[in-house]
Amino acid sequence: MKAHLTSVRIAPKKANLIAAMIRGKTLHEAQELLRCTNKRAARILEKLLRSAQANAEHNEKQSSSMLVVRTVIVNQGSAYVRSVPRARGRARPIRKFLSHISVMLGVREDDTTFPS
């Protein structure tokens, strides 16, 4: 019950802040939390959670009410470089980072959530 997203145009630091909020929560709690969070990474992680939920329901035949966000991993992908003009005709690089995000869901046991 996994979902992966590679080469997403968001910095890993920014995505990790939102990922830390949903680790260990039930699926519905995590989705509500992401809907109420006004960050770009929240929209990306919400789509990824929906994909993992669909994978669990279709491939594993699991009920979405029993699912828990077990792990959320945000890794740094490649970076591409843009230039910004500076004084005296020079240029400075700006690195724009990409992220690789993985979400893994698990089945809730005894109405407890996994530690975050």
PDB file of N, CA and C in Angstrom:
ATOM      1  N   MET A   1       0.841  -1.177   0.000  1.00  0.00           N
ATOM      2  CA  MET A   1       0.000   0.000   0.000  1.00  0.00           C
ATOM      3  C   MET A   1       0.883   1.235   0.000  1.00  0.00           C
ATOM      4  N   LYS A   2       1.504   1.455  -1.155  1.00  0.00           N
ATOM      5  CA  LYS A   2       2.453   2.544  -1.301  1.00  0.00           C
ATOM      6  C   LYS A   2       2.050   3.430  -2.467  1.00  0.00           C
ATOM      7  N   ALA A   3       2.616   4.625  -2.460  1.00  0.00           N
ATOM      8  CA  ALA A   3       2.521   5.524  -3.598  1.00  0.00           C
ATOM      9  C   ALA A   3       3.804   6.339  -3.642  1.00  0.00           C
ATOM     10  N   HIS A   4       4.319   6.545  -4.840  1.00  0.00           N
ATOM     11  CA  HIS A   4       5.566   7.282  -5.022  1.00  0.00           C
ATOM     12  C   HIS A   4       5.327   8.433  -5.983  1.00  0.00           C
ATOM     13  N   LEU A   5       6.047   9.505  -5.749  1.00  0.00           N
ATOM     14  CA  LEU A   5       6.017  10.654  -6.643  1.00  0.00           C
ATOM     15  C   LEU A   5       7.456  11.114  -6.808  1.00  0.00           C
ATOM     16  N   THR A   6       7.948  11.143  -8.021  1.00  0.00           N
ATOM     17  CA  THR A   6       9.347  11.497  -8.235  1.00  0.00           C
ATOM     18  C   THR A   6       9.456  12.810  -8.992  1.00  0.00           C
ATOM     19  N   SER A   7      10.534  13.508  -8.731  1.00  0.00           N
ATOM     20  CA  SER A   7      10.869  14.771  -9.401  1.00  0.00           C
ATOM     21  C   SER A   7       9.756  15.800  -9.289  1.00  0.00           C
ATOM     22  N   VAL A   8       9.283  16.003  -8.071  1.00  0.00           N
ATOM     23  CA  VAL A   8       8.265  17.015  -7.804  1.00  0.00           C
ATOM     24  C   VAL A   8       8.974  18.343  -7.603  1.00  0.00           C
ATOM     25  N   ARG A   9       8.486  19.404  -8.182  1.00  0.00           N
ATOM     26  CA  ARG A   9       9.139  20.695  -8.107  1.00  0.00           C
ATOM     27  C   ARG A   9       8.768  21.414  -6.799  1.00  0.00           C
ATOM     28  N   ILE A  10       9.304  20.895  -5.700  1.00  0.00           N
ATOM     29  CA  ILE A  10       9.188  21.539  -4.398  1.00  0.00           C
ATOM     30  C   ILE A  10      10.430  21.152  -3.603  1.00  0.00           C
ATOM     31  N   ALA A  11      10.921  22.072  -2.811  1.00  0.00           N
ATOM     32  CA  ALA A  11      12.137  21.816  -2.044  1.00  0.00           C
ATOM     33  C   ALA A  11      11.860  20.760  -0.974  1.00  0.00           C
ATOM     34  N   PRO A  12      12.790  19.847  -0.733  1.00  0.00           N
ATOM     35  CA  PRO A  12      12.578  18.793   0.262  1.00  0.00           C
ATOM     36  C   PRO A  12      12.360  19.334   1.675  1.00  0.00           C
ATOM     37  N   LYS A  13      13.005  20.444   2.018  1.00  0.00           N
ATOM     38  CA  LYS A  13      12.809  21.039   3.346  1.00  0.00           C
ATOM     39  C   LYS A  13      11.348  21.427   3.557  1.00  0.00           C
ATOM     40  N   LYS A  14      10.759  22.039   2.552  1.00  0.00           N
ATOM     41  CA  LYS A  14       9.369  22.489   2.657  1.00  0.00           C
ATOM     42  C   LYS A  14       8.411  21.307   2.698  1.00  0.00           C
ATOM     43  N   ALA A  15       8.682  20.284   1.907  1.00  0.00           N
ATOM     44  CA  ALA A  15       7.816  19.106   1.892  1.00  0.00           C
ATOM     45  C   ALA A  15       7.940  18.316   3.194  1.00  0.00           C
ATOM     46  N   ASN A  16       9.135  18.303   3.785  1.00  0.00           N
ATOM     47  CA  ASN A  16       9.350  17.561   5.027  1.00  0.00           C
ATOM     48  C   ASN A  16       8.578  18.157   6.196  1.00  0.00           C
ATOM     49  N   LEU A  17       8.395  19.471   6.208  1.00  0.00           N
ATOM     50  CA  LEU A  17       7.615  20.106   7.272  1.00  0.00           C
ATOM     51  C   LEU A  17       6.185  19.575   7.296  1.00  0.00           C
ATOM     52  N   ILE A  18       5.596  19.437   6.134  1.00  0.00           N
ATOM     53  CA  ILE A  18       4.217  18.950   6.042  1.00  0.00           C
ATOM     54  C   ILE A  18       4.172  17.441   6.266  1.00  0.00           C
ATOM     55  N   ALA A  19       5.180  16.719   5.784  1.00  0.00           N
ATOM     56  CA  ALA A  19       5.217  15.263   5.957  1.00  0.00           C
ATOM     57  C   ALA A  19       5.286  14.894   7.432  1.00  0.00           C
ATOM     58  N   ALA A  20       5.999  15.679   8.219  1.00  0.00           N
ATOM     59  CA  ALA A  20       6.122  15.394   9.651  1.00  0.00           C
ATOM     60  C   ALA A  20       4.776  15.527  10.361  1.00  0.00           C
ATOM     61  N   MET A  21       3.892  16.373   9.827  1.00  0.00           N
ATOM     62  CA  MET A  21       2.583  16.569  10.460  1.00  0.00           C
ATOM     63  C   MET A  21       1.685  15.343  10.339  1.00  0.00           C
ATOM     64  N   ILE A  22       1.834  14.566   9.265  1.00  0.00           N
ATOM     65  CA  ILE A  22       0.864  13.492   9.022  1.00  0.00           C
ATOM     66  C   ILE A  22       1.382  12.104   9.366  1.00  0.00           C
ATOM     67  N   ARG A  23       2.649  11.979   9.715  1.00  0.00           N
ATOM     68  CA  ARG A  23       3.186  10.655  10.061  1.00  0.00           C
ATOM     69  C   ARG A  23       2.484  10.109  11.294  1.00  0.00           C
ATOM     70  N   GLY A  24       2.026   8.855  11.210  1.00  0.00           N
ATOM     71  CA  GLY A  24       1.400   8.199  12.347  1.00  0.00           C
ATOM     72  C   GLY A  24      -0.078   8.489  12.523  1.00  0.00           C
ATOM     73  N   LYS A  25      -0.650   9.346  11.713  1.00  0.00           N
ATOM     74  CA  LYS A  25      -2.072   9.681  11.822  1.00  0.00           C
ATOM     75  C   LYS A  25      -2.894   8.671  11.015  1.00  0.00           C
ATOM     76  N   THR A  26      -4.180   8.594  11.345  1.00  0.00           N
ATOM     77  CA  THR A  26      -5.060   7.785  10.514  1.00  0.00           C
ATOM     78  C   THR A  26      -5.215   8.481   9.166  1.00  0.00           C
ATOM     79  N   LEU A  27      -5.684   7.752   8.186  1.00  0.00           N
ATOM     80  CA  LEU A  27      -5.788   8.302   6.842  1.00  0.00           C
ATOM     81  C   LEU A  27      -6.724   9.506   6.806  1.00  0.00           C
ATOM     82  N   HIS A  28      -7.869   9.393   7.474  1.00  0.00           N
ATOM     83  CA  HIS A  28      -8.843  10.483   7.444  1.00  0.00           C
ATOM     84  C   HIS A  28      -8.343  11.700   8.215  1.00  0.00           C
ATOM     85  N   GLU A  29      -7.647  11.493   9.337  1.00  0.00           N
ATOM     86  CA  GLU A  29      -7.057  12.612  10.078  1.00  0.00           C
ATOM     87  C   GLU A  29      -6.026  13.336   9.221  1.00  0.00           C
ATOM     88  N   ALA A  30      -5.189  12.569   8.539  1.00  0.00           N
ATOM     89  CA  ALA A  30      -4.144  13.157   7.702  1.00  0.00           C
ATOM     90  C   ALA A  30      -4.751  13.951   6.549  1.00  0.00           C
ATOM     91  N   GLN A  31      -5.807  13.413   5.933  1.00  0.00           N
ATOM     92  CA  GLN A  31      -6.440  14.126   4.825  1.00  0.00           C
ATOM     93  C   GLN A  31      -7.085  15.425   5.297  1.00  0.00           C
ATOM     94  N   GLU A  32      -7.730  15.403   6.465  1.00  0.00           N
ATOM     95  CA  GLU A  32      -8.327  16.621   7.015  1.00  0.00           C
ATOM     96  C   GLU A  32      -7.258  17.657   7.344  1.00  0.00           C
ATOM     97  N   LEU A  33      -6.163  17.191   7.923  1.00  0.00           N
ATOM     98  CA  LEU A  33      -5.061  18.082   8.278  1.00  0.00           C
ATOM     99  C   LEU A  33      -4.479  18.745   7.032  1.00  0.00           C
ATOM    100  N   LEU A  34      -4.324  17.983   5.973  1.00  0.00           N
ATOM    101  CA  LEU A  34      -3.764  18.535   4.740  1.00  0.00           C
ATOM    102  C   LEU A  34      -4.734  19.493   4.056  1.00  0.00           C
ATOM    103  N   ARG A  35      -6.032  19.210   4.148  1.00  0.00           N
ATOM    104  CA  ARG A  35      -7.017  20.114   3.551  1.00  0.00           C
ATOM    105  C   ARG A  35      -7.015  21.476   4.232  1.00  0.00           C
ATOM    106  N   CYS A  36      -6.727  21.488   5.534  1.00  0.00           N
ATOM    107  CA  CYS A  36      -6.748  22.736   6.305  1.00  0.00           C
ATOM    108  C   CYS A  36      -5.412  23.470   6.278  1.00  0.00           C
ATOM    109  N   THR A  37      -4.393  22.870   5.712  1.00  0.00           N
ATOM    110  CA  THR A  37      -3.067  23.480   5.683  1.00  0.00           C
ATOM    111  C   THR A  37      -2.888  24.241   4.379  1.00  0.00           C
ATOM    112  N   ASN A  38      -2.529  25.500   4.507  1.00  0.00           N
ATOM    113  CA  ASN A  38      -2.402  26.361   3.336  1.00  0.00           C
ATOM    114  C   ASN A  38      -0.948  26.399   2.855  1.00  0.00           C
ATOM    115  N   LYS A  39      -0.464  25.265   2.379  1.00  0.00           N
ATOM    116  CA  LYS A  39       0.893  25.149   1.851  1.00  0.00           C
ATOM    117  C   LYS A  39       0.834  24.361   0.552  1.00  0.00           C
ATOM    118  N   ARG A  40       1.773  24.638  -0.342  1.00  0.00           N
ATOM    119  CA  ARG A  40       1.800  23.941  -1.624  1.00  0.00           C
ATOM    120  C   ARG A  40       2.120  22.463  -1.447  1.00  0.00           C
ATOM    121  N   ALA A  41       2.983  22.154  -0.492  1.00  0.00           N
ATOM    122  CA  ALA A  41       3.344  20.757  -0.240  1.00  0.00           C
ATOM    123  C   ALA A  41       2.142  19.963   0.256  1.00  0.00           C
ATOM    124  N   ALA A  42       1.210  20.624   0.932  1.00  0.00           N
ATOM    125  CA  ALA A  42       0.018  19.937   1.432  1.00  0.00           C
ATOM    126  C   ALA A  42      -0.837  19.435   0.275  1.00  0.00           C
ATOM    127  N   ARG A  43      -0.968  20.224  -0.793  1.00  0.00           N
ATOM    128  CA  ARG A  43      -1.746  19.788  -1.957  1.00  0.00           C
ATOM    129  C   ARG A  43      -1.089  18.572  -2.611  1.00  0.00           C
ATOM    130  N   ILE A  44       0.231  18.595  -2.701  1.00  0.00           N
ATOM    131  CA  ILE A  44       0.957  17.491  -3.334  1.00  0.00           C
ATOM    132  C   ILE A  44       0.811  16.218  -2.505  1.00  0.00           C
ATOM    133  N   LEU A  45       0.986  16.330  -1.189  1.00  0.00           N
ATOM    134  CA  LEU A  45       0.876  15.159  -0.319  1.00  0.00           C
ATOM    135  C   LEU A  45      -0.556  14.639  -0.253  1.00  0.00           C
ATOM    136  N   GLU A  46      -1.530  15.529  -0.377  1.00  0.00           N
ATOM    137  CA  GLU A  46      -2.931  15.092  -0.367  1.00  0.00           C
ATOM    138  C   GLU A  46      -3.229  14.218  -1.589  1.00  0.00           C
ATOM    139  N   LYS A  47      -2.734  14.625  -2.753  1.00  0.00           N
ATOM    140  CA  LYS A  47      -2.920  13.812  -3.955  1.00  0.00           C
ATOM    141  C   LYS A  47      -2.221  12.466  -3.823  1.00  0.00           C
ATOM    142  N   LEU A  48      -1.038  12.475  -3.206  1.00  0.00           N
ATOM    143  CA  LEU A  48      -0.286  11.240  -3.028  1.00  0.00           C
ATOM    144  C   LEU A  48      -0.996  10.304  -2.054  1.00  0.00           C
ATOM    145  N   LEU A  49      -1.599  10.858  -1.001  1.00  0.00           N
ATOM    146  CA  LEU A  49      -2.370  10.038  -0.055  1.00  0.00           C
ATOM    147  C   LEU A  49      -3.583   9.415  -0.731  1.00  0.00           C
ATOM    148  N   ARG A  50      -4.251  10.188  -1.591  1.00  0.00           N
ATOM    149  CA  ARG A  50      -5.401   9.642  -2.319  1.00  0.00           C
ATOM    150  C   ARG A  50      -4.973   8.499  -3.228  1.00  0.00           C
ATOM    151  N   SER A  51      -3.800   8.628  -3.834  1.00  0.00           N
ATOM    152  CA  SER A  51      -3.286   7.564  -4.693  1.00  0.00           C
ATOM    153  C   SER A  51      -2.972   6.311  -3.881  1.00  0.00           C
ATOM    154  N   ALA A  52      -2.350   6.488  -2.712  1.00  0.00           N
ATOM    155  CA  ALA A  52      -2.042   5.345  -1.852  1.00  0.00           C
ATOM    156  C   ALA A  52      -3.325   4.689  -1.349  1.00  0.00           C
ATOM    157  N   GLN A  53      -4.345   5.504  -1.056  1.00  0.00           N
ATOM    158  CA  GLN A  53      -5.633   4.971  -0.609  1.00  0.00           C
ATOM    159  C   GLN A  53      -6.273   4.140  -1.722  1.00  0.00           C
ATOM    160  N   ALA A  54      -6.238   4.640  -2.940  1.00  0.00           N
ATOM    161  CA  ALA A  54      -6.802   3.897  -4.069  1.00  0.00           C
ATOM    162  C   ALA A  54      -6.039   2.594  -4.299  1.00  0.00           C
ATOM    163  N   ASN A  55      -4.711   2.637  -4.126  1.00  0.00           N
ATOM    164  CA  ASN A  55      -3.917   1.414  -4.259  1.00  0.00           C
ATOM    165  C   ASN A  55      -4.315   0.391  -3.204  1.00  0.00           C
ATOM    166  N   ALA A  56      -4.549   0.849  -1.978  1.00  0.00           N
ATOM    167  CA  ALA A  56      -4.918  -0.057  -0.892  1.00  0.00           C
ATOM    168  C   ALA A  56      -6.296  -0.668  -1.135  1.00  0.00           C
ATOM    169  N   GLU A  57      -7.237   0.154  -1.597  1.00  0.00           N
ATOM    170  CA  GLU A  57      -8.596  -0.342  -1.815  1.00  0.00           C
ATOM    171  C   GLU A  57      -8.664  -1.266  -3.034  1.00  0.00           C
ATOM    172  N   HIS A  58      -7.959  -0.919  -4.090  1.00  0.00           N
ATOM    173  CA  HIS A  58      -8.060  -1.697  -5.320  1.00  0.00           C
ATOM    174  C   HIS A  58      -7.166  -2.939  -5.304  1.00  0.00           C
ATOM    175  N   ASN A  59      -5.909  -2.766  -4.906  1.00  0.00           N
ATOM    176  CA  ASN A  59      -4.956  -3.877  -4.983  1.00  0.00           C
ATOM    177  C   ASN A  59      -5.011  -4.790  -3.767  1.00  0.00           C
ATOM    178  N   GLU A  60      -5.163  -4.210  -2.580  1.00  0.00           N
ATOM    179  CA  GLU A  60      -5.101  -4.990  -1.338  1.00  0.00           C
ATOM    180  C   GLU A  60      -6.478  -5.273  -0.735  1.00  0.00           C
ATOM    181  N   LYS A  61      -7.524  -4.681  -1.281  1.00  0.00           N
ATOM    182  CA  LYS A  61      -8.905  -4.854  -0.786  1.00  0.00           C
ATOM    183  C   LYS A  61      -9.031  -4.448   0.691  1.00  0.00           C
ATOM    184  N   GLN A  62      -8.398  -3.328   1.064  1.00  0.00           N
ATOM    185  CA  GLN A  62      -8.456  -2.822   2.437  1.00  0.00           C
ATOM    186  C   GLN A  62      -9.486  -1.703   2.531  1.00  0.00           C
ATOM    187  N   SER A  63     -10.147  -1.624   3.676  1.00  0.00           N
ATOM    188  CA  SER A  63     -11.082  -0.534   3.926  1.00  0.00           C
ATOM    189  C   SER A  63     -10.294   0.715   4.305  1.00  0.00           C
ATOM    190  N   SER A  64     -10.702   1.862   3.784  1.00  0.00           N
ATOM    191  CA  SER A  64      -9.948   3.092   4.055  1.00  0.00           C
ATOM    192  C   SER A  64     -10.081   3.547   5.503  1.00  0.00           C
ATOM    193  N   SER A  65     -11.109   3.077   6.217  1.00  0.00           N
ATOM    194  CA  SER A  65     -11.273   3.474   7.619  1.00  0.00           C
ATOM    195  C   SER A  65     -10.261   2.790   8.530  1.00  0.00           C
ATOM    196  N   MET A  66      -9.624   1.732   8.050  1.00  0.00           N
ATOM    197  CA  MET A  66      -8.645   1.006   8.869  1.00  0.00           C
ATOM    198  C   MET A  66      -7.200   1.368   8.533  1.00  0.00           C
ATOM    199  N   LEU A  67      -6.990   2.353   7.668  1.00  0.00           N
ATOM    200  CA  LEU A  67      -5.636   2.667   7.211  1.00  0.00           C
ATOM    201  C   LEU A  67      -4.981   3.766   8.037  1.00  0.00           C
ATOM    202  N   VAL A  68      -3.669   3.629   8.210  1.00  0.00           N
ATOM    203  CA  VAL A  68      -2.856   4.580   8.964  1.00  0.00           C
ATOM    204  C   VAL A  68      -1.661   4.954   8.097  1.00  0.00           C
ATOM    205  N   VAL A  69      -1.243   6.210   8.184  1.00  0.00           N
ATOM    206  CA  VAL A  69      -0.051   6.651   7.467  1.00  0.00           C
ATOM    207  C   VAL A  69       1.156   6.127   8.232  1.00  0.00           C
ATOM    208  N   ARG A  70       1.793   5.116   7.690  1.00  0.00           N
ATOM    209  CA  ARG A  70       2.914   4.489   8.396  1.00  0.00           C
ATOM    210  C   ARG A  70       4.203   5.277   8.190  1.00  0.00           C
ATOM    211  N   THR A  71       4.580   5.530   6.952  1.00  0.00           N
ATOM    212  CA  THR A  71       5.793   6.310   6.690  1.00  0.00           C
ATOM    213  C   THR A  71       5.554   7.302   5.564  1.00  0.00           C
ATOM    214  N   VAL A  72       6.217   8.432   5.680  1.00  0.00           N
ATOM    215  CA  VAL A  72       6.275   9.426   4.612  1.00  0.00           C
ATOM    216  C   VAL A  72       7.747   9.793   4.475  1.00  0.00           C
ATOM    217  N   ILE A  73       8.315   9.517   3.322  1.00  0.00           N
ATOM    218  CA  ILE A  73       9.734   9.775   3.101  1.00  0.00           C
ATOM    219  C   ILE A  73       9.872  10.831   2.013  1.00  0.00           C
ATOM    220  N   VAL A  74      10.629  11.883   2.329  1.00  0.00           N
ATOM    221  CA  VAL A  74      10.904  12.935   1.356  1.00  0.00           C
ATOM    222  C   VAL A  74      12.409  12.969   1.128  1.00  0.00           C
ATOM    223  N   ASN A  75      12.833  12.617  -0.074  1.00  0.00           N
ATOM    224  CA  ASN A  75      14.251  12.633  -0.438  1.00  0.00           C
ATOM    225  C   ASN A  75      14.514  13.741  -1.439  1.00  0.00           C
ATOM    226  N   GLN A  76      15.746  14.232  -1.418  1.00  0.00           N
ATOM    227  CA  GLN A  76      16.119  15.265  -2.366  1.00  0.00           C
ATOM    228  C   GLN A  76      16.426  14.647  -3.713  1.00  0.00           C
ATOM    229  N   GLY A  77      15.840  15.217  -4.740  1.00  0.00           N
ATOM    230  CA  GLY A  77      16.127  14.776  -6.092  1.00  0.00           C
ATOM    231  C   GLY A  77      17.223  15.639  -6.684  1.00  0.00           C
ATOM    232  N   SER A  78      17.245  15.731  -7.979  1.00  0.00           N
ATOM    233  CA  SER A  78      18.249  16.564  -8.627  1.00  0.00           C
ATOM    234  C   SER A  78      17.861  18.036  -8.483  1.00  0.00           C
ATOM    235  N   ALA A  79      18.783  18.911  -8.840  1.00  0.00           N
ATOM    236  CA  ALA A  79      18.515  20.342  -8.799  1.00  0.00           C
ATOM    237  C   ALA A  79      18.818  20.905 -10.175  1.00  0.00           C
ATOM    238  N   TYR A  80      18.011  21.855 -10.603  1.00  0.00           N
ATOM    239  CA  TYR A  80      18.379  22.535 -11.831  1.00  0.00           C
ATOM    240  C   TYR A  80      18.730  23.971 -11.497  1.00  0.00           C
ATOM    241  N   VAL A  81      19.546  24.565 -12.349  1.00  0.00           N
ATOM    242  CA  VAL A  81      20.177  25.839 -12.027  1.00  0.00           C
ATOM    243  C   VAL A  81      19.643  26.926 -12.950  1.00  0.00           C
ATOM    244  N   ARG A  82      19.287  28.050 -12.363  1.00  0.00           N
ATOM    245  CA  ARG A  82      18.902  29.252 -13.089  1.00  0.00           C
ATOM    246  C   ARG A  82      19.881  30.357 -12.710  1.00  0.00           C
ATOM    247  N   SER A  83      19.994  31.360 -13.533  1.00  0.00           N
ATOM    248  CA  SER A  83      20.913  32.462 -13.250  1.00  0.00           C
ATOM    249  C   SER A  83      20.140  33.730 -12.945  1.00  0.00           C
ATOM    250  N   VAL A  84      20.719  34.532 -12.036  1.00  0.00           N
ATOM    251  CA  VAL A  84      20.154  35.828 -11.683  1.00  0.00           C
ATOM    252  C   VAL A  84      21.202  36.887 -12.011  1.00  0.00           C
ATOM    253  N   PRO A  85      20.839  37.928 -12.736  1.00  0.00           N
ATOM    254  CA  PRO A  85      21.814  38.969 -13.049  1.00  0.00           C
ATOM    255  C   PRO A  85      22.269  39.700 -11.788  1.00  0.00           C
ATOM    256  N   ARG A  86      23.555  39.994 -11.730  1.00  0.00           N
ATOM    257  CA  ARG A  86      24.137  40.736 -10.617  1.00  0.00           C
ATOM    258  C   ARG A  86      24.901  41.940 -11.179  1.00  0.00           C
ATOM    259  N   ALA A  87      25.577  42.622 -10.312  1.00  0.00           N
ATOM    260  CA  ALA A  87      26.291  43.836 -10.699  1.00  0.00           C
ATOM    261  C   ALA A  87      27.434  43.532 -11.668  1.00  0.00           C
ATOM    262  N   ARG A  88      27.779  44.534 -12.475  1.00  0.00           N
ATOM    263  CA  ARG A  88      28.904  44.484 -13.412  1.00  0.00           C
ATOM    264  C   ARG A  88      28.781  43.363 -14.443  1.00  0.00           C
ATOM    265  N   GLY A  89      27.574  43.046 -14.831  1.00  0.00           N
ATOM    266  CA  GLY A  89      27.358  42.064 -15.887  1.00  0.00           C
ATOM    267  C   GLY A  89      27.582  40.621 -15.487  1.00  0.00           C
ATOM    268  N   ARG A  90      27.667  40.366 -14.209  1.00  0.00           N
ATOM    269  CA  ARG A  90      27.877  38.997 -13.745  1.00  0.00           C
ATOM    270  C   ARG A  90      26.539  38.301 -13.513  1.00  0.00           C
ATOM    271  N   ALA A  91      26.615  37.015 -13.211  1.00  0.00           N
ATOM    272  CA  ALA A  91      25.401  36.240 -12.921  1.00  0.00           C
ATOM    273  C   ALA A  91      25.683  35.304 -11.759  1.00  0.00           C
ATOM    274  N   ARG A  92      24.679  35.062 -10.960  1.00  0.00           N
ATOM    275  CA  ARG A  92      24.788  34.136  -9.835  1.00  0.00           C
ATOM    276  C   ARG A  92      23.780  33.005 -10.044  1.00  0.00           C
ATOM    277  N   PRO A  93      24.159  31.789  -9.658  1.00  0.00           N
ATOM    278  CA  PRO A  93      23.232  30.663  -9.838  1.00  0.00           C
ATOM    279  C   PRO A  93      22.180  30.602  -8.732  1.00  0.00           C
ATOM    280  N   ILE A  94      21.004  30.159  -9.111  1.00  0.00           N
ATOM    281  CA  ILE A  94      19.949  29.819  -8.154  1.00  0.00           C
ATOM    282  C   ILE A  94      19.625  28.357  -8.400  1.00  0.00           C
ATOM    283  N   ARG A  95      19.706  27.554  -7.354  1.00  0.00           N
ATOM    284  CA  ARG A  95      19.411  26.129  -7.486  1.00  0.00           C
ATOM    285  C   ARG A  95      17.958  25.874  -7.086  1.00  0.00           C
ATOM    286  N   LYS A  96      17.235  25.213  -7.946  1.00  0.00           N
ATOM    287  CA  LYS A  96      15.845  24.853  -7.669  1.00  0.00           C
ATOM    288  C   LYS A  96      15.806  23.342  -7.484  1.00  0.00           C
ATOM    289  N   PHE A  97      15.414  22.922  -6.275  1.00  0.00           N
ATOM    290  CA  PHE A  97      15.502  21.515  -5.911  1.00  0.00           C
ATOM    291  C   PHE A  97      14.217  20.767  -6.234  1.00  0.00           C
ATOM    292  N   LEU A  98      14.390  19.510  -6.583  1.00  0.00           N
ATOM    293  CA  LEU A  98      13.276  18.602  -6.809  1.00  0.00           C
ATOM    294  C   LEU A  98      13.227  17.606  -5.662  1.00  0.00           C
ATOM    295  N   SER A  99      12.060  17.009  -5.434  1.00  0.00           N
ATOM    296  CA  SER A  99      11.889  16.051  -4.342  1.00  0.00           C
ATOM    297  C   SER A  99      11.343  14.741  -4.873  1.00  0.00           C
ATOM    298  N   HIS A 100      11.686  13.670  -4.178  1.00  0.00           N
ATOM    299  CA  HIS A 100      11.082  12.360  -4.393  1.00  0.00           C
ATOM    300  C   HIS A 100      10.322  12.033  -3.111  1.00  0.00           C
ATOM    301  N   ILE A 101       9.016  11.791  -3.223  1.00  0.00           N
ATOM    302  CA  ILE A 101       8.173  11.570  -2.048  1.00  0.00           C
ATOM    303  C   ILE A 101       7.563  10.178  -2.126  1.00  0.00           C
ATOM    304  N   SER A 102       7.618   9.450  -1.002  1.00  0.00           N
ATOM    305  CA  SER A 102       7.014   8.120  -0.904  1.00  0.00           C
ATOM    306  C   SER A 102       6.108   8.074   0.315  1.00  0.00           C
ATOM    307  N   VAL A 103       4.935   7.497   0.144  1.00  0.00           N
ATOM    308  CA  VAL A 103       3.981   7.329   1.244  1.00  0.00           C
ATOM    309  C   VAL A 103       3.672   5.849   1.364  1.00  0.00           C
ATOM    310  N   MET A 104       3.681   5.349   2.595  1.00  0.00           N
ATOM    311  CA  MET A 104       3.332   3.951   2.841  1.00  0.00           C
ATOM    312  C   MET A 104       2.234   3.905   3.892  1.00  0.00           C
ATOM    313  N   LEU A 105       1.150   3.216   3.573  1.00  0.00           N
ATOM    314  CA  LEU A 105       0.037   3.066   4.503  1.00  0.00           C
ATOM    315  C   LEU A 105       0.092   1.691   5.142  1.00  0.00           C
ATOM    316  N   GLY A 106      -0.442   1.601   6.352  1.00  0.00           N
ATOM    317  CA  GLY A 106      -0.538   0.323   7.047  1.00  0.00           C
ATOM    318  C   GLY A 106      -1.939   0.153   7.603  1.00  0.00           C
ATOM    319  N   VAL A 107      -2.223  -1.019   8.111  1.00  0.00           N
ATOM    320  CA  VAL A 107      -3.533  -1.306   8.694  1.00  0.00           C
ATOM    321  C   VAL A 107      -3.478  -1.006  10.179  1.00  0.00           C
ATOM    322  N   ARG A 108      -4.492  -0.305  10.655  1.00  0.00           N
ATOM    323  CA  ARG A 108      -4.562   0.063  12.070  1.00  0.00           C
ATOM    324  C   ARG A 108      -4.826  -1.173  12.911  1.00  0.00           C
ATOM    325  N   GLU A 109      -4.129  -1.255  14.043  1.00  0.00           N
ATOM    326  CA  GLU A 109      -4.290  -2.379  14.961  1.00  0.00           C
ATOM    327  C   GLU A 109      -4.791  -1.871  16.308  1.00  0.00           C
ATOM    328  N   ASP A 110      -5.876  -2.411  16.816  1.00  0.00           N
ATOM    329  CA  ASP A 110      -6.410  -2.117  18.151  1.00  0.00           C
ATOM    330  C   ASP A 110      -6.685  -0.637  18.375  1.00  0.00           C
ATOM    331  N   ASP A 111      -7.175   0.069  17.363  1.00  0.00           N
ATOM    332  CA  ASP A 111      -7.498   1.494  17.475  1.00  0.00           C
ATOM    333  C   ASP A 111      -6.338   2.333  17.989  1.00  0.00           C
ATOM    334  N   THR A 112      -5.134   1.962  17.664  1.00  0.00           N
ATOM    335  CA  THR A 112      -3.974   2.776  18.018  1.00  0.00           C
ATOM    336  C   THR A 112      -3.291   3.221  16.740  1.00  0.00           C
ATOM    337  N   THR A 113      -2.572   4.328  16.831  1.00  0.00           N
ATOM    338  CA  THR A 113      -1.831   4.807  15.674  1.00  0.00           C
ATOM    339  C   THR A 113      -0.362   4.500  15.865  1.00  0.00           C
ATOM    340  N   PHE A 114       0.355   4.528  14.773  1.00  0.00           N
ATOM    341  CA  PHE A 114       1.784   4.269  14.835  1.00  0.00           C
ATOM    342  C   PHE A 114       2.491   5.488  15.398  1.00  0.00           C
ATOM    343  N   PRO A 115       3.585   5.304  16.118  1.00  0.00           N
ATOM    344  CA  PRO A 115       4.314   6.466  16.637  1.00  0.00           C
ATOM    345  C   PRO A 115       4.893   7.283  15.498  1.00  0.00           C
ATOM    346  N   SER A 116       4.963   8.588  15.712  1.00  0.00           N
ATOM    347  CA  SER A 116       5.440   9.457  14.631  1.00  0.00           C
ATOM    348  C   SER A 116       6.921   9.658  14.651  1.00  0.00           C
TER     349      SER A 116
END
